[in-house]
Amino acid sequence: MIQLTSSRMAVRKRSILALGHLVPSCSPVLFSQLTDHLLKELAKNPQTSLTRTYIQCLATVSRQGGHRVGDHLEKLIPMVVKFTGVEDDELREYCFQAFEAFIRRCPKEMSPHVAMVTKLCLKFMTFDPNYNYDDSEEDEDSMDIEDGDDEESDDEYSDDDDMSWKVRRSAIKCLEAWISTRRDLLLSFYSSICPALLARFKEREENVRADVFAAFSTLLRQTRGGSSHHSLITAGSELGASRDQETAVALLKTQ
């Protein structure tokens, strides 16, 4: 934990990796001490580079900690939500990676936070401040003229500086985590998440677009359902699941 504040980024990353490997073996008391330490340090509002390290560590610890993370979610979620508001693309990416870890490890315990996290994902999956998706010809012509008049701005900024695609990608992966772990919410996902995914088929970054398609494919697989995932379902709930599946298919057809 001491090395999480090292001046060398490589050391901090190694420390996160080591903590991740230690977590499955540590006692519940030690696990609580670790999460409390991370929360306490984040509460101090450290400089952005350190905040990134602590959020990244939270995500790693959550991935390795399994269901034990569920006991700490009430404290963890508000802290991570808070840091999505910081104007730093890398930090936001790590925040959504933490959300994804919480969802995949503790899907049931995350129930009270579905609306909040989904809202943030839907907001940041379209986060592309340096690109205009209006593809009308007039706008393209005017952009060509502007580019010719203002060559200096090209020197100041390039696509290589744009890390917003990492934020969009992590938000979409987070949505996919919801879809794959909470089939019981499938019908609500068709009204909230499905239209948003369809709208992002126009995504300009190929890596991100691939994740959009992957999330939509997961939605289709969950809609298809099948007994393989729910072998212990009773006959009565099977009937309910069948009705839900029919409704989901109908919603899919309308979209």
Protein backbone atom coordinates (compact mmCIF):
# COMPACT_ATOMS: atom_id res chain seq x y z
CA MET A 1 0.00 0.00 0.00
CA ILE A 2 2.92 2.32 0.72
CA GLN A 3 4.17 1.91 -2.85
CA LEU A 4 0.84 3.18 -4.27
CA THR A 5 2.22 6.68 -3.64
CA SER A 6 5.58 6.02 -5.32
CA SER A 7 6.82 8.78 -7.61
CA ARG A 8 7.42 6.13 -10.28
CA MET A 9 4.32 5.13 -12.24
CA ALA A 10 5.78 1.67 -13.00
CA VAL A 11 6.12 0.94 -9.27
CA ARG A 12 2.54 2.01 -8.62
CA LYS A 13 1.27 -0.28 -11.39
CA ARG A 14 3.30 -3.20 -9.99
CA SER A 15 1.87 -2.50 -6.53
CA ILE A 16 -1.70 -2.63 -7.89
CA LEU A 17 -0.90 -5.93 -9.63
CA ALA A 18 0.62 -7.39 -6.44
CA LEU A 19 -2.37 -6.30 -4.32
CA GLY A 20 -4.69 -7.90 -6.86
CA HIS A 21 -2.88 -11.24 -6.49
CA LEU A 22 -2.90 -10.98 -2.68
CA VAL A 23 -6.62 -10.23 -2.37
CA PRO A 24 -7.95 -13.80 -2.97
CA SER A 25 -5.75 -15.05 -0.08
CA CYS A 26 -6.33 -12.26 2.44
CA SER A 27 -8.75 -12.47 5.36
CA PRO A 28 -12.05 -10.50 5.39
CA VAL A 29 -10.55 -8.17 8.02
CA LEU A 30 -7.49 -7.45 5.88
CA PHE A 31 -9.71 -6.96 2.82
CA SER A 32 -11.80 -4.41 4.75
CA GLN A 33 -8.64 -2.60 5.86
CA LEU A 34 -7.45 -2.39 2.25
CA THR A 35 -10.74 -0.99 0.89
CA ASP A 36 -11.00 1.43 3.84
CA HIS A 37 -7.46 2.64 3.15
CA LEU A 38 -8.26 3.27 -0.52
CA LEU A 39 -11.47 5.13 0.38
CA LYS A 40 -9.68 7.22 3.00
CA GLU A 41 -6.98 8.25 0.55
CA LEU A 42 -9.55 9.09 -2.15
CA ALA A 43 -11.51 11.20 0.34
CA LYS A 44 -8.44 13.45 0.65
CA ASN A 45 -8.92 14.49 -3.02
CA PRO A 46 -5.30 13.73 -3.98
CA GLN A 47 -3.70 15.00 -7.18
CA THR A 48 -5.20 13.47 -10.31
CA SER A 49 -2.34 11.03 -11.00
CA LEU A 50 -2.70 9.54 -7.50
CA THR A 51 -6.49 9.45 -7.80
CA ARG A 52 -6.08 7.41 -10.99
CA THR A 53 -3.85 4.96 -9.12
CA TYR A 54 -6.35 4.51 -6.26
CA ILE A 55 -9.35 4.07 -8.59
CA GLN A 56 -7.38 1.60 -10.72
CA CYS A 57 -6.47 -0.27 -7.55
CA LEU A 58 -10.15 -0.36 -6.49
CA ALA A 59 -11.07 -1.93 -9.84
CA THR A 60 -8.33 -4.55 -9.56
CA VAL A 61 -9.16 -5.37 -5.93
CA SER A 62 -12.85 -5.67 -6.85
CA ARG A 63 -12.14 -8.00 -9.76
CA GLN A 64 -10.09 -10.29 -7.49
CA GLY A 65 -12.14 -9.85 -4.32
CA GLY A 66 -15.31 -11.44 -5.63
CA HIS A 67 -18.48 -11.23 -3.54
CA ARG A 68 -16.64 -9.60 -0.60
CA VAL A 69 -16.74 -6.29 -2.47
CA GLY A 70 -20.52 -6.27 -2.02
CA ASP A 71 -20.18 -5.34 1.67
CA HIS A 72 -18.37 -2.12 0.75
CA LEU A 73 -20.40 -0.92 -2.24
CA GLU A 74 -22.41 1.68 -0.30
CA LYS A 75 -19.15 3.54 0.39
CA LEU A 76 -17.40 2.76 -2.91
CA ILE A 77 -20.10 3.76 -5.40
CA PRO A 78 -20.54 7.44 -4.34
CA MET A 79 -16.76 7.89 -4.36
CA VAL A 80 -16.35 6.52 -7.89
CA VAL A 81 -19.40 8.48 -9.13
CA LYS A 82 -17.81 11.65 -7.77
CA PHE A 83 -14.61 11.15 -9.77
CA THR A 84 -16.44 10.66 -13.08
CA GLY A 85 -17.03 14.42 -12.83
CA VAL A 86 -13.30 15.22 -12.97
CA GLU A 87 -12.18 16.49 -16.39
CA ASP A 88 -9.66 13.72 -16.98
CA ASP A 89 -10.30 11.05 -19.62
CA GLU A 90 -7.94 8.48 -18.12
CA LEU A 91 -9.51 8.83 -14.68
CA ARG A 92 -13.01 8.47 -16.13
CA GLU A 93 -11.92 5.32 -17.96
CA TYR A 94 -10.71 3.81 -14.68
CA CYS A 95 -13.97 4.81 -12.95
CA PHE A 96 -16.03 2.86 -15.49
CA GLN A 97 -13.64 -0.09 -15.22
CA ALA A 98 -14.32 -0.04 -11.47
CA PHE A 99 -18.09 0.03 -12.08
CA GLU A 100 -17.71 -2.92 -14.46
CA ALA A 101 -15.80 -4.87 -11.81
CA PHE A 102 -18.51 -4.13 -9.21
CA ILE A 103 -21.24 -5.29 -11.61
CA ARG A 104 -19.52 -8.51 -12.68
CA ARG A 105 -18.56 -9.52 -9.13
CA CYS A 106 -21.68 -8.37 -7.24
CA PRO A 107 -24.58 -8.02 -9.73
CA LYS A 108 -27.30 -8.46 -7.07
CA GLU A 109 -25.69 -6.12 -4.54
CA MET A 110 -25.46 -3.50 -7.31
CA SER A 111 -29.27 -3.44 -7.66
CA PRO A 112 -29.74 -0.10 -5.82
CA HIS A 113 -27.21 1.52 -8.16
CA VAL A 114 -28.52 0.29 -11.53
CA ALA A 115 -30.21 3.59 -12.44
CA MET A 116 -27.28 5.81 -11.41
CA VAL A 117 -24.53 3.78 -13.11
CA THR A 118 -26.61 3.24 -16.27
CA LYS A 119 -27.29 6.98 -16.48
CA LEU A 120 -23.54 7.71 -16.29
CA CYS A 121 -22.78 5.04 -18.90
CA LEU A 122 -25.37 6.43 -21.32
CA LYS A 123 -23.96 9.92 -20.81
CA PHE A 124 -20.31 9.01 -21.40
CA MET A 125 -20.79 6.43 -24.17
CA THR A 126 -21.42 9.45 -26.44
CA PHE A 127 -18.59 11.53 -24.94
CA ASP A 128 -16.75 12.77 -28.04
CA PRO A 129 -16.09 16.50 -27.52
CA ASN A 130 -13.67 16.86 -30.44
CA TYR A 131 -15.84 15.48 -33.22
CA ASN A 132 -19.07 16.54 -34.88
CA TYR A 133 -21.26 13.64 -36.00
CA ASP A 134 -23.47 15.88 -38.19
CA ASP A 135 -22.52 14.48 -41.61
CA SER A 136 -24.41 16.91 -43.83
CA GLU A 137 -22.45 18.04 -46.89
CA GLU A 138 -22.77 21.71 -46.04
CA ASP A 139 -21.05 21.20 -42.70
CA GLU A 140 -18.27 19.21 -44.35
CA ASP A 141 -17.69 22.00 -46.88
CA SER A 142 -17.56 24.64 -44.16
CA MET A 143 -15.16 22.49 -42.14
CA ASP A 144 -12.86 22.17 -45.17
CA ILE A 145 -12.78 25.96 -45.51
CA GLU A 146 -12.16 26.44 -41.80
CA ASP A 147 -9.33 23.90 -41.86
CA GLY A 148 -7.67 25.78 -44.69
CA ASP A 149 -7.94 29.12 -42.90
CA ASP A 150 -6.64 27.94 -39.56
CA GLU A 151 -3.57 25.78 -40.05
CA GLU A 152 -2.09 26.74 -36.70
CA SER A 153 -4.85 24.95 -34.78
CA ASP A 154 -3.83 21.67 -36.46
CA ASP A 155 -0.39 22.01 -34.93
CA GLU A 156 -1.86 22.56 -31.48
CA TYR A 157 -4.22 19.58 -31.49
CA SER A 158 -4.38 16.23 -33.25
CA ASP A 159 -6.40 13.03 -32.94
CA ASP A 160 -3.43 11.48 -31.15
CA ASP A 161 -4.24 13.75 -28.18
CA ASP A 162 -7.86 12.63 -28.07
CA MET A 163 -8.35 9.99 -25.37
CA SER A 164 -12.12 10.40 -25.14
CA TRP A 165 -12.59 7.11 -27.05
CA LYS A 166 -11.28 5.26 -23.97
CA VAL A 167 -14.05 6.80 -21.89
CA ARG A 168 -16.70 5.76 -24.43
CA ARG A 169 -15.27 2.26 -24.65
CA SER A 170 -15.20 1.69 -20.87
CA ALA A 171 -18.77 3.04 -20.52
CA ILE A 172 -20.01 0.63 -23.22
CA LYS A 173 -18.20 -2.32 -21.59
CA CYS A 174 -19.93 -1.37 -18.36
CA LEU A 175 -23.33 -1.50 -20.09
CA GLU A 176 -22.46 -4.91 -21.48
CA ALA A 177 -21.69 -6.06 -17.93
CA TRP A 178 -25.22 -5.03 -16.88
CA ILE A 179 -26.76 -6.85 -19.84
CA SER A 180 -24.80 -10.07 -19.28
CA THR A 181 -25.31 -10.27 -15.50
CA ARG A 182 -28.86 -8.94 -15.02
CA ARG A 183 -31.13 -10.78 -17.43
CA ASP A 184 -33.99 -10.05 -15.01
CA LEU A 185 -33.77 -6.40 -16.14
CA LEU A 186 -33.85 -7.24 -19.86
CA LEU A 187 -37.15 -5.47 -20.59
CA SER A 188 -35.97 -2.23 -18.98
CA PHE A 189 -32.70 -2.50 -20.93
CA TYR A 190 -34.74 -2.51 -24.15
CA SER A 191 -36.18 0.89 -23.28
CA SER A 192 -32.96 2.43 -21.91
CA ILE A 193 -29.82 0.75 -23.27
CA CYS A 194 -30.94 -0.70 -26.63
CA PRO A 195 -31.79 2.63 -28.35
CA ALA A 196 -28.51 4.11 -27.10
CA LEU A 197 -26.49 1.21 -28.55
CA LEU A 198 -28.29 1.49 -31.90
CA ALA A 199 -27.51 5.21 -32.01
CA ARG A 200 -23.80 4.44 -31.46
CA PHE A 201 -23.51 2.21 -34.54
CA LYS A 202 -22.19 5.41 -36.14
CA GLU A 203 -19.19 5.45 -33.73
CA ARG A 204 -16.09 6.66 -35.61
CA GLU A 205 -13.44 4.70 -33.64
CA GLU A 206 -13.30 1.09 -34.85
CA ASN A 207 -12.27 -0.29 -31.44
CA VAL A 208 -15.22 1.40 -29.75
CA ARG A 209 -17.63 0.42 -32.53
CA ALA A 210 -16.57 -3.22 -32.07
CA ASP A 211 -17.53 -2.92 -28.39
CA VAL A 212 -20.90 -1.41 -29.33
CA PHE A 213 -21.57 -4.42 -31.56
CA ALA A 214 -20.35 -6.79 -28.82
CA ALA A 215 -22.73 -5.23 -26.27
CA PHE A 216 -25.63 -5.42 -28.74
CA SER A 217 -24.78 -9.06 -29.49
CA THR A 218 -24.90 -9.78 -25.75
CA LEU A 219 -28.34 -8.16 -25.62
CA LEU A 220 -29.51 -10.42 -28.46
CA ARG A 221 -28.11 -13.52 -26.75
CA GLN A 222 -29.87 -12.60 -23.50
CA THR A 223 -33.11 -12.05 -25.43
CA ARG A 224 -32.83 -15.49 -26.96
CA GLY A 225 -32.30 -16.89 -23.45
CA GLY A 226 -32.53 -20.62 -23.09
CA SER A 227 -32.51 -23.08 -20.24
CA SER A 228 -28.72 -23.49 -20.21
CA HIS A 229 -28.29 -20.40 -18.03
CA HIS A 230 -31.32 -21.07 -15.83
CA SER A 231 -31.40 -24.80 -15.19
CA LEU A 232 -32.80 -24.38 -11.68
CA ILE A 233 -35.81 -22.29 -12.67
CA THR A 234 -39.15 -23.68 -11.55
CA ALA A 235 -41.93 -24.45 -14.02
CA GLY A 236 -43.93 -21.40 -12.93
CA SER A 237 -41.07 -18.96 -13.39
CA GLU A 238 -40.20 -20.61 -16.72
CA LEU A 239 -43.61 -19.51 -17.95
CA GLY A 240 -42.92 -15.96 -16.76
CA ALA A 241 -39.49 -16.02 -18.39
CA SER A 242 -41.07 -17.19 -21.64
CA ARG A 243 -43.52 -14.26 -21.54
CA ASP A 244 -40.67 -11.83 -20.85
CA GLN A 245 -38.74 -13.28 -23.78
CA GLU A 246 -41.73 -12.79 -26.09
CA THR A 247 -42.07 -9.19 -24.90
CA ALA A 248 -38.34 -8.59 -25.40
CA VAL A 249 -38.49 -9.99 -28.93
CA ALA A 250 -41.46 -7.71 -29.68
CA LEU A 251 -39.49 -4.69 -28.36
CA LEU A 252 -36.51 -5.74 -30.49
CA LYS A 253 -38.69 -5.90 -33.62
CA THR A 254 -40.04 -2.38 -33.04
CA GLN A 255 -36.47 -1.04 -32.79
